Amino acid sequence: MSDLSKTNPNTEAGGTVYQLILFVAGEEPNSVLARQNLEAFCHTELEGGYELQVVNVFKHHQLALQHRVLVTPCLVMLTPSPAVMIAGTLQDREKVRTALRLNQE
C-alpha cells in the first residue's frame, strides 16, 4: 500500500463525484480490509464517479489531524457535502450506502 494513492474518476459530465479519503494505519489487518472493502464498494456502487485518496497515518499524521481523524481505518467523504466520517472496516455495505446518502436516490 502506498503512502498516498489516488484513483482518478471516470465520470460522465455533470455526474456526482464522491471525493473520498481513507485513513489507514499502514498494513494493519483492519486497514487492509477497509481498503479492499472500499475499493470493491466504489467499483460496484459508485461506478467510477469517485476520487479516492488513501492516507497512511503513520507517515502523514498531520493530514489525519486536519480532518479530525482519531481512529483508523476511517473514511472521510468530502463531497458531496455535507462531509461524512465512517470508522471501521466498511464491511457492512448497507451502512456505507446510508452514510454516503446513496439510499436517498
Foldseek 3Di string as FASTA:
>chain_A
DDQKDKDQFPDDPPDAAWEKEWEAAPVPPLRVLLVVLVVVLCVPPVVRRYMYIYHHCVVVVVVCVVVPNDDPGKMWTVPPDDIFIDHTSCPPVVVVCVRVVVVVD
